[in-house]
C-alpha atoms as a PDB file:
ATOM      1  CA  MET A   1      67.205  15.151  -1.380  1.00  0.00           C
ATOM      2  CA  SER A   2      64.213  16.621  -3.339  1.00  0.00           C
ATOM      3  CA  LYS A   3      63.267  20.224  -2.784  1.00  0.00           C
ATOM      4  CA  SER A   4      59.511  19.390  -3.227  1.00  0.00           C
ATOM      5  CA  ILE A   5      58.795  19.500   0.425  1.00  0.00           C
ATOM      6  CA  ARG A   6      61.717  18.123   2.476  1.00  0.00           C
ATOM      7  CA  ASN A   7      60.339  18.692   5.866  1.00  0.00           C
ATOM      8  CA  GLY A   8      56.800  17.408   5.730  1.00  0.00           C
ATOM      9  CA  SER A   9      56.741  16.879   9.507  1.00  0.00           C
ATOM     10  CA  PHE A  10      57.504  20.586  10.151  1.00  0.00           C
ATOM     11  CA  PHE A  11      54.749  21.702   7.741  1.00  0.00           C
ATOM     12  CA  PHE A  12      52.262  19.341   9.362  1.00  0.00           C
ATOM     13  CA  PHE A  13      53.163  20.602  12.880  1.00  0.00           C
ATOM     14  CA  LEU A  14      52.829  24.207  11.783  1.00  0.00           C
ATOM     15  CA  PHE A  15      49.432  23.636  10.282  1.00  0.00           C
ATOM     16  CA  LEU A  16      48.107  21.758  13.339  1.00  0.00           C
ATOM     17  CA  SER A  17      49.478  24.491  15.644  1.00  0.00           C
ATOM     18  CA  THR A  18      47.464  27.057  13.690  1.00  0.00           C
ATOM     19  CA  PHE A  19      44.402  24.779  13.778  1.00  0.00           C
ATOM     20  CA  PHE A  20      44.451  24.283  17.543  1.00  0.00           C
ATOM     21  CA  SER A  21      45.036  27.955  18.233  1.00  0.00           C
ATOM     22  CA  ARG A  22      41.511  28.822  17.013  1.00  0.00           C
ATOM     23  CA  ALA A  23      39.078  29.261  19.823  1.00  0.00           C
ATOM     24  CA  GLN A  24      36.000  27.068  20.165  1.00  0.00           C
ATOM     25  CA  THR A  25      32.986  28.601  18.461  1.00  0.00           C
ATOM     26  CA  ASN A  26      29.387  28.577  19.781  1.00  0.00           C
ATOM     27  CA  LEU A  27      27.287  27.227  16.904  1.00  0.00           C
ATOM     28  CA  PHE A  28      23.926  28.013  18.459  1.00  0.00           C
ATOM     29  CA  ASP A  29      23.201  31.135  16.374  1.00  0.00           C
ATOM     30  CA  THR A  30      21.807  32.433  13.124  1.00  0.00           C
ATOM     31  CA  TRP A  31      24.273  32.103  10.232  1.00  0.00           C
ATOM     32  CA  ARG A  32      24.541  33.175   6.625  1.00  0.00           C
ATOM     33  CA  ILE A  33      25.404  30.056   4.674  1.00  0.00           C
ATOM     34  CA  ASN A  34      26.400  29.573   1.015  1.00  0.00           C
ATOM     35  CA  ASN A  35      23.734  26.843   0.244  1.00  0.00           C
ATOM     36  CA  ILE A  36      20.653  25.338   1.740  1.00  0.00           C
ATOM     37  CA  ILE A  37      21.438  22.214   3.799  1.00  0.00           C
ATOM     38  CA  GLY A  38      19.650  19.184   2.430  1.00  0.00           C
ATOM     39  CA  ILE A  39      19.101  20.519  -1.131  1.00  0.00           C
ATOM     40  CA  GLY A  40      21.555  18.460  -3.195  1.00  0.00           C
ATOM     41  CA  ASP A  41      24.391  16.234  -1.953  1.00  0.00           C
ATOM     42  CA  LEU A  42      26.971  18.893  -1.149  1.00  0.00           C
ATOM     43  CA  GLN A  43      30.222  17.996   0.511  1.00  0.00           C
ATOM     44  CA  GLU A  44      31.086  21.379   1.945  1.00  0.00           C
ATOM     45  CA  TYR A  45      29.306  24.453   3.307  1.00  0.00           C
ATOM     46  CA  SER A  46      30.655  27.824   4.312  1.00  0.00           C
ATOM     47  CA  MET A  47      29.001  30.103   6.894  1.00  0.00           C
ATOM     48  CA  VAL A  48      29.475  33.337   8.743  1.00  0.00           C
ATOM     49  CA  ARG A  49      27.384  34.944  11.552  1.00  0.00           C
ATOM     50  CA  MET A  50      24.363  36.782  10.230  1.00  0.00           C
ATOM     51  CA  GLY A  51      25.017  40.470  10.022  1.00  0.00           C
ATOM     52  CA  GLU A  52      23.303  43.368   8.324  1.00  0.00           C
ATOM     53  CA  ASN A  53      23.700  41.668   4.855  1.00  0.00           C
ATOM     54  CA  ARG A  54      20.560  39.523   4.750  1.00  0.00           C
ATOM     55  CA  SER A  55      20.917  38.087   1.315  1.00  0.00           C
ATOM     56  CA  GLY A  56      21.655  34.543   0.269  1.00  0.00           C
ATOM     57  CA  TYR A  57      20.744  31.714   2.644  1.00  0.00           C
ATOM     58  CA  MET A  58      20.157  31.544   6.352  1.00  0.00           C
ATOM     59  CA  LEU A  59      20.860  28.674   8.812  1.00  0.00           C
ATOM     60  CA  MET A  60      19.415  28.799  12.288  1.00  0.00           C
ATOM     61  CA  LEU A  61      20.848  26.332  14.840  1.00  0.00           C
ATOM     62  CA  ASN A  62      18.576  26.255  17.946  1.00  0.00           C
ATOM     63  CA  HIS A  63      19.427  25.151  21.440  1.00  0.00           C
ATOM     64  CA  ASP A  64      16.777  22.442  21.268  1.00  0.00           C
ATOM     65  CA  GLY A  65      18.728  20.597  18.544  1.00  0.00           C
ATOM     66  CA  THR A  66      16.583  21.715  15.619  1.00  0.00           C
ATOM     67  CA  PHE A  67      17.701  23.634  12.536  1.00  0.00           C
ATOM     68  CA  ILE A  68      15.910  25.733   9.907  1.00  0.00           C
ATOM     69  CA  CYS A  69      17.712  26.585   6.646  1.00  0.00           C
ATOM     70  CA  ARG A  70      16.114  28.778   3.975  1.00  0.00           C
ATOM     71  CA  ASN A  71      16.804  31.307   1.296  1.00  0.00           C
ATOM     72  CA  LEU A  72      16.440  35.042   1.926  1.00  0.00           C
ATOM     73  CA  PRO A  73      14.423  36.388  -0.983  1.00  0.00           C
ATOM     74  CA  GLU A  74      15.566  39.723  -2.443  1.00  0.00           C
ATOM     75  CA  CYS A  75      12.299  40.536  -4.219  1.00  0.00           C
ATOM     76  CA  GLY A  76       8.555  39.745  -3.678  1.00  0.00           C
ATOM     77  CA  ASN A  77       8.480  37.233  -6.515  1.00  0.00           C
ATOM     78  CA  ASP A  78      11.052  34.857  -5.058  1.00  0.00           C
ATOM     79  CA  THR A  79      10.219  31.399  -3.883  1.00  0.00           C
ATOM     80  CA  PHE A  80      11.003  30.383  -0.330  1.00  0.00           C
ATOM     81  CA  ARG A  81      12.877  27.115   0.009  1.00  0.00           C
ATOM     82  CA  ASN A  82      13.090  25.722   3.509  1.00  0.00           C
ATOM     83  CA  THR A  83      14.641  22.679   5.082  1.00  0.00           C
ATOM     84  CA  LEU A  84      14.011  21.737   8.683  1.00  0.00           C
ATOM     85  CA  GLY A  85      15.371  19.017  10.822  1.00  0.00           C
ATOM     86  CA  ASN A  86      17.553  18.035  13.750  1.00  0.00           C
ATOM     87  CA  PHE A  87      21.225  18.256  14.413  1.00  0.00           C
ATOM     88  CA  ILE A  88      23.573  16.569  16.884  1.00  0.00           C
ATOM     89  CA  LEU A  89      26.813  18.106  18.101  1.00  0.00           C
ATOM     90  CA  ILE A  90      28.835  14.866  18.312  1.00  0.00           C
ATOM     91  CA  ASP A  91      31.844  16.663  19.831  1.00  0.00           C
ATOM     92  CA  ASP A  92      33.655  19.984  19.426  1.00  0.00           C
ATOM     93  CA  ASN A  93      34.688  19.054  15.888  1.00  0.00           C
ATOM     94  CA  HIS A  94      31.753  17.243  14.367  1.00  0.00           C
ATOM     95  CA  ILE A  95      28.029  17.829  13.677  1.00  0.00           C
ATOM     96  CA  ARG A  96      25.388  15.528  12.178  1.00  0.00           C
ATOM     97  CA  PHE A  97      22.293  16.817  10.341  1.00  0.00           C
ATOM     98  CA  ILE A  98      18.999  14.906   9.922  1.00  0.00           C
ATOM     99  CA  LEU A  99      16.544  16.312   7.365  1.00  0.00           C
ATOM    100  CA  LYS A 100      12.896  16.136   8.494  1.00  0.00           C
ATOM    101  CA  LYS A 101      10.976  18.443   6.181  1.00  0.00           C
ATOM    102  CA  THR A 102      11.431  20.291   2.885  1.00  0.00           C
ATOM    103  CA  SER A 103       9.041  22.950   1.724  1.00  0.00           C
ATOM    104  CA  TYR A 104       8.650  25.389  -1.185  1.00  0.00           C
ATOM    105  CA  SER A 105       6.325  28.390  -1.091  1.00  0.00           C
ATOM    106  CA  GLY A 106       5.824  31.458  -3.266  1.00  0.00           C
ATOM    107  CA  LEU A 107       3.236  33.829  -4.759  1.00  0.00           C
ATOM    108  CA  ASN A 108       1.947  31.135  -7.048  1.00  0.00           C
ATOM    109  CA  LYS A 109       0.190  28.763  -4.643  1.00  0.00           C
ATOM    110  CA  GLY A 110       0.179  26.036  -7.269  1.00  0.00           C
ATOM    111  CA  ASP A 111       3.919  25.726  -6.887  1.00  0.00           C
ATOM    112  CA  ASN A 112       3.770  25.358  -3.103  1.00  0.00           C
ATOM    113  CA  SER A 113       4.795  21.917  -1.735  1.00  0.00           C
ATOM    114  CA  GLU A 114       5.864  20.252   1.458  1.00  0.00           C
ATOM    115  CA  SER A 115       7.358  16.801   2.067  1.00  0.00           C
ATOM    116  CA  GLU A 116       8.169  14.934   5.202  1.00  0.00           C
ATOM    117  CA  SER A 117      11.430  12.898   5.469  1.00  0.00           C
ATOM    118  CA  ASN A 118      13.921  11.385   7.830  1.00  0.00           C
ATOM    119  CA  ILE A 119      17.174  11.553   5.938  1.00  0.00           C
ATOM    120  CA  ASP A 120      20.502  11.332   7.642  1.00  0.00           C
ATOM    121  CA  LEU A 121      22.685  13.886   5.825  1.00  0.00           C
ATOM    122  CA  GLY A 122      25.770  12.585   7.515  1.00  0.00           C
ATOM    123  CA  ILE A 123      28.562  13.938   9.678  1.00  0.00           C
ATOM    124  CA  PHE A 124      30.405  17.205   8.922  1.00  0.00           C
ATOM    125  CA  TYR A 125      33.715  18.360  10.267  1.00  0.00           C
ATOM    126  CA  ILE A 126      33.603  21.810  11.884  1.00  0.00           C
ATOM    127  CA  TYR A 127      36.600  23.754  10.641  1.00  0.00           C
ATOM    128  CA  LYS A 128      36.996  27.247  12.019  1.00  0.00           C
ATOM    129  CA  GLU A 129      38.665  29.878   9.900  1.00  0.00           C
ATOM    130  CA  ALA A 130      39.405  33.461  10.929  1.00  0.00           C
ATOM    131  CA  ASN A 131      36.018  34.894  10.004  1.00  0.00           C
ATOM    132  CA  SER A 132      33.970  31.887   8.934  1.00  0.00           C
ATOM    133  CA  ILE A 133      33.246  28.217   9.599  1.00  0.00           C
ATOM    134  CA  LEU A 134      33.437  25.381   7.072  1.00  0.00           C
ATOM    135  CA  LEU A 135      31.280  22.283   7.429  1.00  0.00           C
ATOM    136  CA  ILE A 136      33.041  19.535   5.468  1.00  0.00           C
ATOM    137  CA  LYS A 137      31.681  16.022   4.920  1.00  0.00           C
ATOM    138  CA  SER A 138      33.451  13.657   7.255  1.00  0.00           C
ATOM    139  CA  ASN A 139      33.727  10.015   8.270  1.00  0.00           C
ATOM    140  CA  GLY A 140      33.849  11.183  11.860  1.00  0.00           C
ATOM    141  CA  ILE A 141      37.534  10.444  12.407  1.00  0.00           C
ATOM    142  CA  LEU A 142      39.278  13.607  13.534  1.00  0.00           C
ATOM    143  CA  GLN A 143      42.752  12.688  12.267  1.00  0.00           C
ATOM    144  CA  ASP A 144      41.369  12.032   8.791  1.00  0.00           C
ATOM    145  CA  ASP A 145      39.699  15.416   8.839  1.00  0.00           C
ATOM    146  CA  LYS A 146      42.981  17.122   9.903  1.00  0.00           C
ATOM    147  CA  ASP A 147      44.883  15.312   7.162  1.00  0.00           C
ATOM    148  CA  LYS A 148      42.333  16.332   4.563  1.00  0.00           C
ATOM    149  CA  MET A 149      42.570  20.015   5.592  1.00  0.00           C
ATOM    150  CA  LEU A 150      46.406  19.854   5.544  1.00  0.00           C
ATOM    151  CA  TYR A 151      46.452  18.284   2.119  1.00  0.00           C
ATOM    152  CA  THR A 152      43.909  20.705   0.752  1.00  0.00           C
ATOM    153  CA  GLU A 153      46.026  23.616   2.040  1.00  0.00           C
ATOM    154  CA  MET A 154      49.096  22.181   0.401  1.00  0.00           C
ATOM    155  CA  LEU A 155      47.371  21.760  -3.001  1.00  0.00           C
ATOM    156  CA  ASN A 156      45.949  25.321  -2.735  1.00  0.00           C
ATOM    157  CA  THR A 157      49.436  26.605  -2.012  1.00  0.00           C
ATOM    158  CA  PHE A 158      50.772  24.788  -5.071  1.00  0.00           C
ATOM    159  CA  ASP A 159      48.010  26.341  -7.235  1.00  0.00           C
ATOM    160  CA  LYS A 160      49.215  29.765  -6.196  1.00  0.00           C
ATOM    161  CA  ASN A 161      52.844  28.967  -7.004  1.00  0.00           C
ATOM    162  CA  TRP A 162      52.718  26.535  -9.938  1.00  0.00           C
ATOM    163  CA  LYS A 163      54.761  28.874 -12.126  1.00  0.00           C
ATOM    164  CA  SER A 164      57.759  28.376  -9.828  1.00  0.00           C
ATOM    165  CA  TYR A 165      58.020  24.723 -10.913  1.00  0.00           C
ATOM    166  CA  ASP A 166      59.425  23.001 -14.009  1.00  0.00           C
ATOM    167  CA  TYR A 167      57.632  20.132 -15.748  1.00  0.00           C
ATOM    168  CA  SER A 168      58.595  17.122 -17.798  1.00  0.00           C
ATOM    169  CA  TRP A 169      55.531  15.783 -19.576  1.00  0.00           C
ATOM    170  CA  ILE A 170      55.057  12.141 -20.400  1.00  0.00           C
ATOM    171  CA  SER A 171      52.287  10.595 -22.465  1.00  0.00           C
ATOM    172  CA  THR A 172      49.917   8.174 -20.622  1.00  0.00           C
ATOM    173  CA  LYS A 173      46.847   6.157 -21.489  1.00  0.00           C
ATOM    174  CA  ALA A 174      46.164   5.303 -17.903  1.00  0.00           C
ATOM    175  CA  MET A 175      42.601   5.617 -16.633  1.00  0.00           C
ATOM    176  CA  THR A 176      42.843   5.299 -12.819  1.00  0.00           C
ATOM    177  CA  SER A 177      44.642   7.700 -10.520  1.00  0.00           C
ATOM    178  CA  GLU A 178      47.072   4.987  -9.338  1.00  0.00           C
ATOM    179  CA  GLU A 179      47.941   4.109 -12.990  1.00  0.00           C
ATOM    180  CA  ILE A 180      48.361   7.788 -13.913  1.00  0.00           C
ATOM    181  CA  VAL A 181      50.821   8.445 -11.050  1.00  0.00           C
ATOM    182  CA  LYS A 182      52.656   5.166 -11.797  1.00  0.00           C
ATOM    183  CA  ASP A 183      53.244   6.304 -15.341  1.00  0.00           C
ATOM    184  CA  CYS A 184      54.773   9.548 -14.071  1.00  0.00           C
ATOM    185  CA  VAL A 185      58.373   8.376 -14.346  1.00  0.00           C
ATOM    186  CA  ASP A 186      60.904  10.863 -13.004  1.00  0.00           C
ATOM    187  CA  GLY A 187      62.680  11.943 -16.179  1.00  0.00           C
ATOM    188  CA  LYS A 188      65.314  13.823 -14.203  1.00  0.00           C
ATOM    189  CA  LYS A 189      66.167  10.723 -12.136  1.00  0.00           C
ATOM    190  CA  LEU A 190      65.994  12.843  -8.963  1.00  0.00           C
ATOM    191  CA  ILE A 191      63.082  11.167  -7.192  1.00  0.00           C
ATOM    192  CA  ASP A 192      62.147   7.526  -6.785  1.00  0.00           C
ATOM    193  CA  LEU A 193      58.368   7.285  -7.290  1.00  0.00           C
ATOM    194  CA  SER A 194      58.195   3.495  -7.301  1.00  0.00           C
ATOM    195  CA  ASN A 195      56.791   3.329  -3.786  1.00  0.00           C
ATOM    196  CA  CYS A 196      54.963   6.624  -3.595  1.00  0.00           C
ATOM    197  CA  LYS A 197      51.433   6.854  -2.083  1.00  0.00           C
ATOM    198  CA  ILE A 198      48.626   9.117  -3.296  1.00  0.00           C
ATOM    199  CA  LEU A 199      47.538  11.174  -0.290  1.00  0.00           C
ATOM    200  CA  PHE A 200      45.068  13.548  -1.868  1.00  0.00           C
ATOM    201  CA  SER A 201      43.863  14.797  -5.220  1.00  0.00           C
ATOM    202  CA  LYS A 202      41.557  17.470  -6.657  1.00  0.00           C
ATOM    203  CA  LYS A 203      40.061  18.224 -10.036  1.00  0.00           C
ATOM    204  CA  GLU A 204      41.392  21.116 -12.022  1.00  0.00           C
ATOM    205  CA  GLY A 205      40.313  22.740 -15.289  1.00  0.00           C
ATOM    206  CA  TYR A 206      43.048  20.864 -17.109  1.00  0.00           C
ATOM    207  CA  GLY A 207      42.571  17.541 -15.374  1.00  0.00           C
ATOM    208  CA  LYS A 208      43.822  16.502 -11.954  1.00  0.00           C
ATOM    209  CA  LEU A 209      46.401  17.454  -9.369  1.00  0.00           C
ATOM    210  CA  PHE A 210      47.794  14.798  -7.038  1.00  0.00           C
ATOM    211  CA  LEU A 211      49.698  15.122  -3.815  1.00  0.00           C
ATOM    212  CA  VAL A 212      51.958  12.071  -3.306  1.00  0.00           C
ATOM    213  CA  ARG A 213      54.325  11.028  -0.613  1.00  0.00           C
ATOM    214  CA  GLU A 214      57.656   9.207  -1.128  1.00  0.00           C
ATOM    215  CA  LYS A 215      59.252   8.287   2.173  1.00  0.00           C
ATOM    216  CA  GLU A 216      59.238  11.623   4.114  1.00  0.00           C
ATOM    217  CA  SER A 217      58.911  13.884   1.114  1.00  0.00           C
ATOM    218  CA  PHE A 218      55.823  15.264  -0.625  1.00  0.00           C
ATOM    219  CA  HIS A 219      55.551  15.841  -4.350  1.00  0.00           C
ATOM    220  CA  TYR A 220      52.974  17.167  -6.818  1.00  0.00           C
ATOM    221  CA  VAL A 221      51.907  15.238  -9.919  1.00  0.00           C
ATOM    222  CA  LEU A 222      49.802  16.946 -12.626  1.00  0.00           C
ATOM    223  CA  TYR A 223      47.624  15.090 -15.185  1.00  0.00           C
ATOM    224  CA  ASP A 224      46.443  16.826 -18.338  1.00  0.00           C
ATOM    225  CA  GLN A 225      43.331  14.926 -19.325  1.00  0.00           C
ATOM    226  CA  PHE A 226      43.076  16.678 -22.703  1.00  0.00           C
ATOM    227  CA  LYS A 227      46.596  15.925 -23.874  1.00  0.00           C
ATOM    228  CA  GLN A 228      46.806  12.682 -21.853  1.00  0.00           C
ATOM    229  CA  LYS A 229      50.091  13.682 -20.324  1.00  0.00           C
ATOM    230  CA  VAL A 230      51.394  13.517 -16.804  1.00  0.00           C
ATOM    231  CA  SER A 231      54.312  15.340 -15.118  1.00  0.00           C
ATOM    232  CA  LEU A 232      56.035  15.663 -11.811  1.00  0.00           C
ATOM    233  CA  ALA A 233      56.418  19.222 -10.585  1.00  0.00           C
ATOM    234  CA  TYR A 234      60.132  20.173 -10.076  1.00  0.00           C
ATOM    235  CA  PRO A 235      60.835  23.222  -7.803  1.00  0.00           C
ATOM    236  CA  ARG A 236      63.311  25.576  -9.474  1.00  0.00           C
END
């Protein structure tokens, strides 16, 4: 049996146990957030409760279901960017934002602008970490959200420990993810990848990292887009 991750069920249970142990968080508050909601099509936001450090961006979630998000200027010449709208707490795990207004204001009145809108920004999964909250774009299905967080955690763990693996690189001219993984033939004949399924992937500086599942085992496949080579990661 492969050493990649023999007991996927145990890892999954451990992760979910940690997830459910986090207490429910009251979102009606003022938060410091890493970006302004509604400016750009971002898939993830990170926020912490507003403390003495009032730099960056602020998100205020009001009890009447309205939100205000804006930057916190650090000098008098900064431009204020504001987004206003409504939000709906769908359940304990999901929130939907609807953008109603965007405005820009600064010392130069010629640059000031304001626009009305009614844009559904979509549903976000509320993931509670120890000292912060992540808002992650979601399809609204809780199990999909949990799987995504589990797979993300697994890929992040691999990133930290990639030197503890061996690699056997194979050339590929494949273009799609499915074709790339299919070209990753197990040179050591230890793992049968013929029926593996791609669970998750993420872009890296060198190319792409895939998490695949073969029966009850998980494996990592790396694709070097510059050298056009692919390899399975073999634990030492």
